[in-house]
PDB file of N, CA and C in Angstrom:
ATOM      1  N   MET A   1     105.639  80.091  86.591  1.00  0.00           N
ATOM      2  CA  MET A   1     106.690  80.619  85.754  1.00  0.00           C
ATOM      3  C   MET A   1     107.653  79.503  85.413  1.00  0.00           C
ATOM      4  N   ASN A   2     107.892  79.366  84.169  1.00  0.00           N
ATOM      5  CA  ASN A   2     108.807  78.339  83.704  1.00  0.00           C
ATOM      6  C   ASN A   2     110.059  79.034  83.177  1.00  0.00           C
ATOM      7  N   ASP A   3     110.920  79.466  84.094  1.00  0.00           N
ATOM      8  CA  ASP A   3     112.111  80.214  83.727  1.00  0.00           C
ATOM      9  C   ASP A   3     113.323  79.594  84.414  1.00  0.00           C
ATOM     10  N   GLU A   4     114.279  79.186  83.637  1.00  0.00           N
ATOM     11  CA  GLU A   4     115.466  78.510  84.181  1.00  0.00           C
ATOM     12  C   GLU A   4     116.237  79.410  85.135  1.00  0.00           C
ATOM     13  N   GLN A   5     116.383  80.666  84.793  1.00  0.00           N
ATOM     14  CA  GLN A   5     117.136  81.582  85.651  1.00  0.00           C
ATOM     15  C   GLN A   5     116.455  81.738  87.016  1.00  0.00           C
ATOM     16  N   ILE A   6     115.148  81.806  87.039  1.00  0.00           N
ATOM     17  CA  ILE A   6     114.420  81.906  88.310  1.00  0.00           C
ATOM     18  C   ILE A   6     114.592  80.626  89.114  1.00  0.00           C
ATOM     19  N   ARG A   7     114.525  79.478  88.449  1.00  0.00           N
ATOM     20  CA  ARG A   7     114.731  78.203  89.163  1.00  0.00           C
ATOM     21  C   ARG A   7     116.106  78.157  89.820  1.00  0.00           C
ATOM     22  N   VAL A   8     117.123  78.627  89.115  1.00  0.00           N
ATOM     23  CA  VAL A   8     118.481  78.643  89.679  1.00  0.00           C
ATOM     24  C   VAL A   8     118.539  79.596  90.865  1.00  0.00           C
ATOM     25  N   MET A   9     117.959  80.775  90.715  1.00  0.00           N
ATOM     26  CA  MET A   9     117.958  81.753  91.810  1.00  0.00           C
ATOM     27  C   MET A   9     117.292  81.188  93.058  1.00  0.00           C
ATOM     28  N   LEU A  10     116.197  80.454  92.858  1.00  0.00           N
ATOM     29  CA  LEU A  10     115.447  79.913  94.001  1.00  0.00           C
ATOM     30  C   LEU A  10     116.203  78.825  94.753  1.00  0.00           C
ATOM     31  N   GLN A  11     117.319  78.375  94.232  1.00  0.00           N
ATOM     32  CA  GLN A  11     118.141  77.391  94.934  1.00  0.00           C
ATOM     33  C   GLN A  11     119.051  78.040  95.974  1.00  0.00           C
ATOM     34  N   SER A  12     119.148  79.354  95.960  1.00  0.00           N
ATOM     35  CA  SER A  12     120.002  80.070  96.901  1.00  0.00           C
ATOM     36  C   SER A  12     119.400  80.042  98.305  1.00  0.00           C
ATOM     37  N   PRO A  13     120.157  79.548  99.287  1.00  0.00           N
ATOM     38  CA  PRO A  13     119.655  79.549 100.671  1.00  0.00           C
ATOM     39  C   PRO A  13     119.323  80.957 101.182  1.00  0.00           C
ATOM     40  N   THR A  14     120.086  81.946 100.758  1.00  0.00           N
ATOM     41  CA  THR A  14     119.826  83.321 101.199  1.00  0.00           C
ATOM     42  C   THR A  14     118.498  83.814 100.655  1.00  0.00           C
ATOM     43  N   LEU A  15     118.269  83.629  99.364  1.00  0.00           N
ATOM     44  CA  LEU A  15     117.002  84.052  98.772  1.00  0.00           C
ATOM     45  C   LEU A  15     115.846  83.271  99.385  1.00  0.00           C
ATOM     46  N   GLN A  16     116.018  81.981  99.573  1.00  0.00           N
ATOM     47  CA  GLN A  16     114.974  81.163 100.204  1.00  0.00           C
ATOM     48  C   GLN A  16     114.624  81.711 101.578  1.00  0.00           C
ATOM     49  N   HIS A  17     115.635  82.037 102.354  1.00  0.00           N
ATOM     50  CA  HIS A  17     115.411  82.570 103.709  1.00  0.00           C
ATOM     51  C   HIS A  17     114.552  83.841 103.659  1.00  0.00           C
ATOM     52  N   HIS A  18     114.914  84.762 102.777  1.00  0.00           N
ATOM     53  CA  HIS A  18     114.179  86.021 102.704  1.00  0.00           C
ATOM     54  C   HIS A  18     112.751  85.814 102.196  1.00  0.00           C
ATOM     55  N   LEU A  19     112.574  84.976 101.199  1.00  0.00           N
ATOM     56  CA  LEU A  19     111.223  84.728 100.681  1.00  0.00           C
ATOM     57  C   LEU A  19     110.361  84.006 101.710  1.00  0.00           C
ATOM     58  N   VAL A  20     110.951  83.074 102.443  1.00  0.00           N
ATOM     59  CA  VAL A  20     110.195  82.374 103.490  1.00  0.00           C
ATOM     60  C   VAL A  20     109.803  83.353 104.592  1.00  0.00           C
ATOM     61  N   SER A  21     110.690  84.279 104.938  1.00  0.00           N
ATOM     62  CA  SER A  21     110.344  85.230 106.004  1.00  0.00           C
ATOM     63  C   SER A  21     109.161  86.106 105.588  1.00  0.00           C
ATOM     64  N   VAL A  22     109.126  86.537 104.327  1.00  0.00           N
ATOM     65  CA  VAL A  22     107.989  87.327 103.846  1.00  0.00           C
ATOM     66  C   VAL A  22     106.725  86.467 103.847  1.00  0.00           C
ATOM     67  N   HIS A  23     106.845  85.230 103.403  1.00  0.00           N
ATOM     68  CA  HIS A  23     105.704  84.304 103.387  1.00  0.00           C
ATOM     69  C   HIS A  23     105.165  84.074 104.802  1.00  0.00           C
ATOM     70  N   GLU A  24     106.053  83.892 105.756  1.00  0.00           N
ATOM     71  CA  GLU A  24     105.625  83.667 107.142  1.00  0.00           C
ATOM     72  C   GLU A  24     104.903  84.889 107.708  1.00  0.00           C
ATOM     73  N   ILE A  25     105.383  86.074 107.386  1.00  0.00           N
ATOM     74  CA  ILE A  25     104.705  87.299 107.838  1.00  0.00           C
ATOM     75  C   ILE A  25     103.284  87.329 107.295  1.00  0.00           C
ATOM     76  N   LEU A  26     103.119  86.931 106.042  1.00  0.00           N
ATOM     77  CA  LEU A  26     101.792  86.917 105.423  1.00  0.00           C
ATOM     78  C   LEU A  26     100.838  85.939 106.102  1.00  0.00           C
ATOM     79  N   ASN A  27     101.376  84.871 106.654  1.00  0.00           N
ATOM     80  CA  ASN A  27     100.532  83.787 107.145  1.00  0.00           C
ATOM     81  C   ASN A  27     100.480  83.614 108.656  1.00  0.00           C
ATOM     82  N   ASP A  28     101.338  84.297 109.393  1.00  0.00           N
ATOM     83  CA  ASP A  28     101.384  84.107 110.844  1.00  0.00           C
ATOM     84  C   ASP A  28     101.126  85.430 111.562  1.00  0.00           C
ATOM     85  N   PRO A  29      99.908  85.614 112.089  1.00  0.00           N
ATOM     86  CA  PRO A  29      99.588  86.864 112.781  1.00  0.00           C
ATOM     87  C   PRO A  29     100.534  87.182 113.938  1.00  0.00           C
ATOM     88  N   ALA A  30     101.114  86.166 114.568  1.00  0.00           N
ATOM     89  CA  ALA A  30     102.020  86.402 115.695  1.00  0.00           C
ATOM     90  C   ALA A  30     103.296  87.120 115.254  1.00  0.00           C
ATOM     91  N   LEU A  31     103.725  86.905 114.015  1.00  0.00           N
ATOM     92  CA  LEU A  31     104.949  87.548 113.534  1.00  0.00           C
ATOM     93  C   LEU A  31     104.744  89.015 113.189  1.00  0.00           C
ATOM     94  N   SER A  32     103.551  89.350 112.760  1.00  0.00           N
ATOM     95  CA  SER A  32     103.296  90.722 112.313  1.00  0.00           C
ATOM     96  C   SER A  32     102.472  91.533 113.310  1.00  0.00           C
ATOM     97  N   SER A  33     101.912  90.865 114.288  1.00  0.00           N
ATOM     98  CA  SER A  33     100.986  91.487 115.242  1.00  0.00           C
ATOM     99  C   SER A  33      99.749  92.037 114.538  1.00  0.00           C
ATOM    100  N   GLU A  34      99.429  91.462 113.390  1.00  0.00           N
ATOM    101  CA  GLU A  34      98.262  91.870 112.610  1.00  0.00           C
ATOM    102  C   GLU A  34      97.292  90.700 112.517  1.00  0.00           C
ATOM    103  N   THR A  35      96.039  90.947 112.822  1.00  0.00           N
ATOM    104  CA  THR A  35      95.048  89.865 112.774  1.00  0.00           C
ATOM    105  C   THR A  35      94.361  89.753 111.423  1.00  0.00           C
ATOM    106  N   THR A  36      94.419  90.815 110.624  1.00  0.00           N
ATOM    107  CA  THR A  36      93.751  90.764 109.327  1.00  0.00           C
ATOM    108  C   THR A  36      94.750  90.438 108.220  1.00  0.00           C
ATOM    109  N   ALA A  37      94.256  89.829 107.162  1.00  0.00           N
ATOM    110  CA  ALA A  37      95.107  89.517 106.012  1.00  0.00           C
ATOM    111  C   ALA A  37      95.668  90.804 105.410  1.00  0.00           C
ATOM    112  N   GLU A  38      94.840  91.841 105.369  1.00  0.00           N
ATOM    113  CA  GLU A  38      95.293  93.124 104.823  1.00  0.00           C
ATOM    114  C   GLU A  38      96.435  93.712 105.650  1.00  0.00           C
ATOM    115  N   GLY A  39      96.321  93.628 106.965  1.00  0.00           N
ATOM    116  CA  GLY A  39      97.376  94.126 107.841  1.00  0.00           C
ATOM    117  C   GLY A  39      98.670  93.353 107.663  1.00  0.00           C
ATOM    118  N   ARG A  40      98.555  92.019 107.569  1.00  0.00           N
ATOM    119  CA  ARG A  40      99.744  91.189 107.357  1.00  0.00           C
ATOM    120  C   ARG A  40     100.369  91.479 105.995  1.00  0.00           C
ATOM    121  N   TYR A  41      99.526  91.709 104.986  1.00  0.00           N
ATOM    122  CA  TYR A  41     100.024  92.064 103.656  1.00  0.00           C
ATOM    123  C   TYR A  41     100.851  93.347 103.724  1.00  0.00           C
ATOM    124  N   ASP A  42     100.356  94.346 104.440  1.00  0.00           N
ATOM    125  CA  ASP A  42     101.074  95.618 104.568  1.00  0.00           C
ATOM    126  C   ASP A  42     102.434  95.424 105.247  1.00  0.00           C
ATOM    127  N   VAL A  43     102.469  94.606 106.306  1.00  0.00           N
ATOM    128  CA  VAL A  43     103.730  94.352 107.010  1.00  0.00           C
ATOM    129  C   VAL A  43     104.690  93.576 106.102  1.00  0.00           C
ATOM    130  N   ALA A  44     104.182  92.576 105.386  1.00  0.00           N
ATOM    131  CA  ALA A  44     105.020  91.789 104.480  1.00  0.00           C
ATOM    132  C   ALA A  44     105.562  92.656 103.347  1.00  0.00           C
ATOM    133  N   LEU A  45     104.732  93.539 102.824  1.00  0.00           N
ATOM    134  CA  LEU A  45     105.169  94.435 101.756  1.00  0.00           C
ATOM    135  C   LEU A  45     106.269  95.369 102.262  1.00  0.00           C
ATOM    136  N   LYS A  46     106.117  95.861 103.473  1.00  0.00           N
ATOM    137  CA  LYS A  46     107.151  96.721 104.061  1.00  0.00           C
ATOM    138  C   LYS A  46     108.463  95.951 104.199  1.00  0.00           C
ATOM    139  N   LYS A  47     108.390  94.712 104.680  1.00  0.00           N
ATOM    140  CA  LYS A  47     109.584  93.867 104.804  1.00  0.00           C
ATOM    141  C   LYS A  47     110.230  93.661 103.435  1.00  0.00           C
ATOM    142  N   PHE A  48     109.414  93.352 102.433  1.00  0.00           N
ATOM    143  CA  PHE A  48     109.923  93.114 101.097  1.00  0.00           C
ATOM    144  C   PHE A  48     110.608  94.367 100.555  1.00  0.00           C
ATOM    145  N   ARG A  49     110.012  95.513 100.794  1.00  0.00           N
ATOM    146  CA  ARG A  49     110.625  96.777 100.349  1.00  0.00           C
ATOM    147  C   ARG A  49     111.970  97.012 101.025  1.00  0.00           C
ATOM    148  N   GLU A  50     112.079  96.637 102.288  1.00  0.00           N
ATOM    149  CA  GLU A  50     113.341  96.788 103.013  1.00  0.00           C
ATOM    150  C   GLU A  50     114.425  95.879 102.439  1.00  0.00           C
ATOM    151  N   LEU A  51     114.018  94.766 101.830  1.00  0.00           N
ATOM    152  CA  LEU A  51     114.970  93.833 101.227  1.00  0.00           C
ATOM    153  C   LEU A  51     115.412  94.273  99.834  1.00  0.00           C
ATOM    154  N   ARG A  52     114.662  95.193  99.238  1.00  0.00           N
ATOM    155  CA  ARG A  52     114.989  95.679  97.895  1.00  0.00           C
ATOM    156  C   ARG A  52     116.109  96.724  97.975  1.00  0.00           C
ATOM    157  N   ALA A  53     116.672  97.045  96.822  1.00  0.00           N
ATOM    158  CA  ALA A  53     117.748  98.044  96.762  1.00  0.00           C
ATOM    159  C   ALA A  53     117.296  99.343  97.413  1.00  0.00           C
ATOM    160  N   GLY A  54     118.155  99.884  98.244  1.00  0.00           N
ATOM    161  CA  GLY A  54     117.843 101.123  98.935  1.00  0.00           C
ATOM    162  C   GLY A  54     117.192 100.920 100.288  1.00  0.00           C
ATOM    163  N   GLY A  55     116.723  99.699 100.560  1.00  0.00           N
ATOM    164  CA  GLY A  55     116.105  99.414 101.851  1.00  0.00           C
ATOM    165  C   GLY A  55     117.153  99.168 102.920  1.00  0.00           C
ATOM    166  N   ASN A  56     116.735  99.233 104.162  1.00  0.00           N
ATOM    167  CA  ASN A  56     117.657  99.026 105.280  1.00  0.00           C
ATOM    168  C   ASN A  56     118.267  97.634 105.310  1.00  0.00           C
ATOM    169  N   GLU A  57     117.571  96.660 104.745  1.00  0.00           N
ATOM    170  CA  GLU A  57     118.060  95.279 104.727  1.00  0.00           C
ATOM    171  C   GLU A  57     118.369  94.827 103.301  1.00  0.00           C
ATOM    172  N   SER A  58     118.710  95.762 102.425  1.00  0.00           N
ATOM    173  CA  SER A  58     118.832  95.441 101.001  1.00  0.00           C
ATOM    174  C   SER A  58     119.730  94.227 100.765  1.00  0.00           C
ATOM    175  N   ASN A  59     119.287  93.408  99.839  1.00  0.00           N
ATOM    176  CA  ASN A  59     119.986  92.175  99.508  1.00  0.00           C
ATOM    177  C   ASN A  59     120.010  92.044  97.996  1.00  0.00           C
ATOM    178  N   ILE A  60     121.196  91.889  97.444  1.00  0.00           N
ATOM    179  CA  ILE A  60     121.358  91.844  95.997  1.00  0.00           C
ATOM    180  C   ILE A  60     120.608  90.666  95.378  1.00  0.00           C
ATOM    181  N   GLU A  61     120.554  89.535  96.081  1.00  0.00           N
ATOM    182  CA  GLU A  61     119.852  88.376  95.537  1.00  0.00           C
ATOM    183  C   GLU A  61     118.350  88.642  95.417  1.00  0.00           C
ATOM    184  N   VAL A  62     117.793  89.305  96.391  1.00  0.00           N
ATOM    185  CA  VAL A  62     116.372  89.654  96.340  1.00  0.00           C
ATOM    186  C   VAL A  62     116.134  90.614  95.181  1.00  0.00           C
ATOM    187  N   GLU A  63     116.995  91.612  95.051  1.00  0.00           N
ATOM    188  CA  GLU A  63     116.832  92.595  93.981  1.00  0.00           C
ATOM    189  C   GLU A  63     116.940  91.939  92.603  1.00  0.00           C
ATOM    190  N   GLU A  64     117.909  91.055  92.433  1.00  0.00           N
ATOM    191  CA  GLU A  64     118.063  90.365  91.146  1.00  0.00           C
ATOM    192  C   GLU A  64     116.873  89.455  90.856  1.00  0.00           C
ATOM    193  N   PHE A  65     116.360  88.802  91.883  1.00  0.00           N
ATOM    194  CA  PHE A  65     115.199  87.927  91.728  1.00  0.00           C
ATOM    195  C   PHE A  65     113.979  88.742  91.290  1.00  0.00           C
ATOM    196  N   VAL A  66     113.731  89.839  91.969  1.00  0.00           N
ATOM    197  CA  VAL A  66     112.594  90.699  91.621  1.00  0.00           C
ATOM    198  C   VAL A  66     112.750  91.210  90.187  1.00  0.00           C
ATOM    199  N   GLY A  67     113.953  91.626  89.843  1.00  0.00           N
ATOM    200  CA  GLY A  67     114.197  92.103  88.490  1.00  0.00           C
ATOM    201  C   GLY A  67     113.906  91.047  87.446  1.00  0.00           C
ATOM    202  N   ARG A  68     114.306  89.813  87.714  1.00  0.00           N
ATOM    203  CA  ARG A  68     114.063  88.731  86.756  1.00  0.00           C
ATOM    204  C   ARG A  68     112.572  88.418  86.653  1.00  0.00           C
ATOM    205  N   VAL A  69     111.885  88.345  87.785  1.00  0.00           N
ATOM    206  CA  VAL A  69     110.445  88.069  87.773  1.00  0.00           C
ATOM    207  C   VAL A  69     109.718  89.156  86.979  1.00  0.00           C
ATOM    208  N   LEU A  70     110.056  90.405  87.225  1.00  0.00           N
ATOM    209  CA  LEU A  70     109.414  91.497  86.493  1.00  0.00           C
ATOM    210  C   LEU A  70     109.714  91.413  85.000  1.00  0.00           C
ATOM    211  N   SER A  71     110.930  91.068  84.668  1.00  0.00           N
ATOM    212  CA  SER A  71     111.309  90.930  83.261  1.00  0.00           C
ATOM    213  C   SER A  71     110.487  89.840  82.573  1.00  0.00           C
ATOM    214  N   VAL A  72     110.341  88.708  83.231  1.00  0.00           N
ATOM    215  CA  VAL A  72     109.551  87.603  82.668  1.00  0.00           C
ATOM    216  C   VAL A  72     108.093  88.025  82.523  1.00  0.00           C
ATOM    217  N   LEU A  73     107.547  88.674  83.550  1.00  0.00           N
ATOM    218  CA  LEU A  73     106.156  89.112  83.483  1.00  0.00           C
ATOM    219  C   LEU A  73     105.937  90.148  82.385  1.00  0.00           C
ATOM    220  N   GLU A  74     106.847  91.061  82.222  1.00  0.00           N
ATOM    221  CA  GLU A  74     106.729  92.070  81.168  1.00  0.00           C
ATOM    222  C   GLU A  74     106.797  91.422  79.793  1.00  0.00           C
ATOM    223  N   GLY A  75     107.655  90.412  79.638  1.00  0.00           N
ATOM    224  CA  GLY A  75     107.726  89.679  78.380  1.00  0.00           C
ATOM    225  C   GLY A  75     106.438  88.962  78.052  1.00  0.00           C
ATOM    226  N   ARG A  76     105.777  88.455  79.069  1.00  0.00           N
ATOM    227  CA  ARG A  76     104.492  87.782  78.861  1.00  0.00           C
ATOM    228  C   ARG A  76     103.428  88.761  78.408  1.00  0.00           C
ATOM    229  N   ARG A  77     103.433  89.966  78.978  1.00  0.00           N
ATOM    230  CA  ARG A  77     102.435  90.973  78.604  1.00  0.00           C
ATOM    231  C   ARG A  77     102.605  91.381  77.146  1.00  0.00           C
ATOM    232  N   VAL A  78     103.833  91.479  76.700  1.00  0.00           N
ATOM    233  CA  VAL A  78     104.102  91.880  75.319  1.00  0.00           C
ATOM    234  C   VAL A  78     103.595  90.817  74.358  1.00  0.00           C
ATOM    235  N   HIS A  79     103.711  89.530  74.761  1.00  0.00           N
ATOM    236  CA  HIS A  79     103.326  88.433  73.885  1.00  0.00           C
ATOM    237  C   HIS A  79     101.861  88.031  73.999  1.00  0.00           C
ATOM    238  N   ASP A  80     101.174  88.533  75.002  1.00  0.00           N
ATOM    239  CA  ASP A  80      99.747  88.158  75.190  1.00  0.00           C
ATOM    240  C   ASP A  80      98.851  88.832  74.193  1.00  0.00           C
TER     241      ASP A  80
END
């Protein structure tokens, strides 16, 4: 994705922390207690949902980032 707003968002230490934690869950079976990639994906998705609006760990930066990514992706679909 070549989007200036996303690049700026990714400079936030808070957003970086949350994205790295989801990434680590996906890649480290010890963090999720899941040995399969599918199991780790489910745990990471649950964590990500908790970071979204309405989740127990909701974070405005995560929500804004997701909104921007979806907006860019939707724009690409319209132009494809």
